Protein backbone atom coordinates (compact mmCIF):
# COMPACT_ATOMS: atom_id res chain seq x y z
CA MET A 1 146.27 100.30 123.28
CA ALA A 2 145.67 103.63 124.97
CA ASN A 3 145.38 107.24 123.85
CA TYR A 4 147.08 110.05 125.78
CA HIS A 5 146.47 113.80 125.92
CA VAL A 6 149.14 116.41 126.68
CA MET A 7 147.62 119.46 128.39
CA LYS A 8 148.72 122.51 130.35
CA ARG A 9 147.58 122.54 133.98
CA SER A 10 146.28 125.51 135.93
CA ASP A 11 149.49 125.54 138.01
CA GLY A 12 151.58 126.12 134.84
CA ASN A 13 152.96 122.58 134.59
CA TRP A 14 152.13 120.09 131.83
CA GLU A 15 150.53 116.67 132.18
CA ASP A 16 150.02 113.58 130.10
CA LYS A 17 146.70 111.97 130.78
CA LYS A 18 145.23 108.69 129.57
CA GLU A 19 141.98 109.25 127.69
CA HIS A 20 138.94 109.14 130.02
CA ALA A 21 141.16 109.09 133.15
CA ASP A 22 140.40 111.31 136.13
CA ARG A 23 144.04 111.89 137.09
CA ALA A 24 147.19 112.66 135.16
CA SER A 25 149.60 109.83 134.39
CA SER A 26 152.54 112.19 135.04
CA VAL A 27 153.25 115.90 135.54
CA TYR A 28 156.14 117.74 133.84
CA GLU A 29 157.72 121.19 133.92
CA ASN A 30 157.44 121.76 130.17
CA GLN A 31 155.49 120.60 127.14
CA LYS A 32 158.41 118.81 125.48
CA GLU A 33 158.87 116.49 128.48
CA ALA A 34 155.11 115.84 128.63
CA ILE A 35 155.02 114.88 124.94
CA THR A 36 157.92 112.47 125.41
CA GLY A 37 156.19 110.97 128.44
CA ALA A 38 152.89 110.54 126.60
CA GLU A 39 154.66 108.88 123.67
CA GLN A 40 156.39 106.48 126.04
CA HIS A 41 153.16 105.65 127.89
CA ALA A 42 151.34 105.03 124.58
CA HIS A 43 154.18 102.83 123.32
CA ASN A 44 154.25 100.81 126.55
CA SER A 45 150.50 100.18 126.33
CA GLY A 46 150.77 98.69 122.84
CA GLY A 47 150.45 101.89 120.82
CA GLY A 48 147.79 104.55 120.56
CA GLU A 49 147.27 108.20 119.75
CA VAL A 50 149.02 111.18 121.33
CA LYS A 51 146.94 114.37 121.24
CA ILE A 52 148.70 117.63 122.04
CA HIS A 53 146.53 120.49 123.28
CA ARG A 54 147.25 124.21 122.92
CA ALA A 55 148.29 126.01 126.09
CA ASP A 56 145.98 129.00 125.62
CA ASN A 57 142.59 127.43 124.82
CA ASN A 58 143.08 123.67 125.27
CA GLN A 59 142.09 122.80 121.68
CA ILE A 60 143.89 119.86 120.10
CA ARG A 61 146.64 121.27 117.87
CA GLU A 62 148.26 118.00 116.83
CA ALA A 63 147.48 114.28 116.98
CA TYR A 64 149.49 111.31 115.77
CA THR A 65 149.66 107.55 116.19
CA ILE A 66 152.34 105.68 118.11
CA PRO A 67 153.00 102.20 116.63
CA PRO A 68 151.99 99.41 116.66
CA ALA A 69 148.45 100.82 116.86
CA LYS A 70 146.42 101.26 113.69
CA ASP A 71 146.01 104.81 112.43
CA PRO A 72 142.26 105.66 112.40
CA TYR A 73 142.83 107.95 109.37
CA PRO A 74 145.63 106.35 107.32
CA PRO A 75 146.94 108.27 104.31
CA ARG A 76 145.68 107.22 100.91
CA GLY A 77 148.08 105.83 98.44
């Protein structure tokens, strides 16, 4: 299980990066491709979280779990 972050790079491209990694897993031309890549990487590693960062200030704007990983904050009900 691995978590991946989708972030904008200083060169204008987007990357998906495994949590705590020094280098990007892959580099993409747009955010949509980077999100798809991060989801695929997380799925291939047995599930995990995908965290999408804002382009302007790099804050996390969205995070969700890719199965079969366990959601750290499951909904009540």
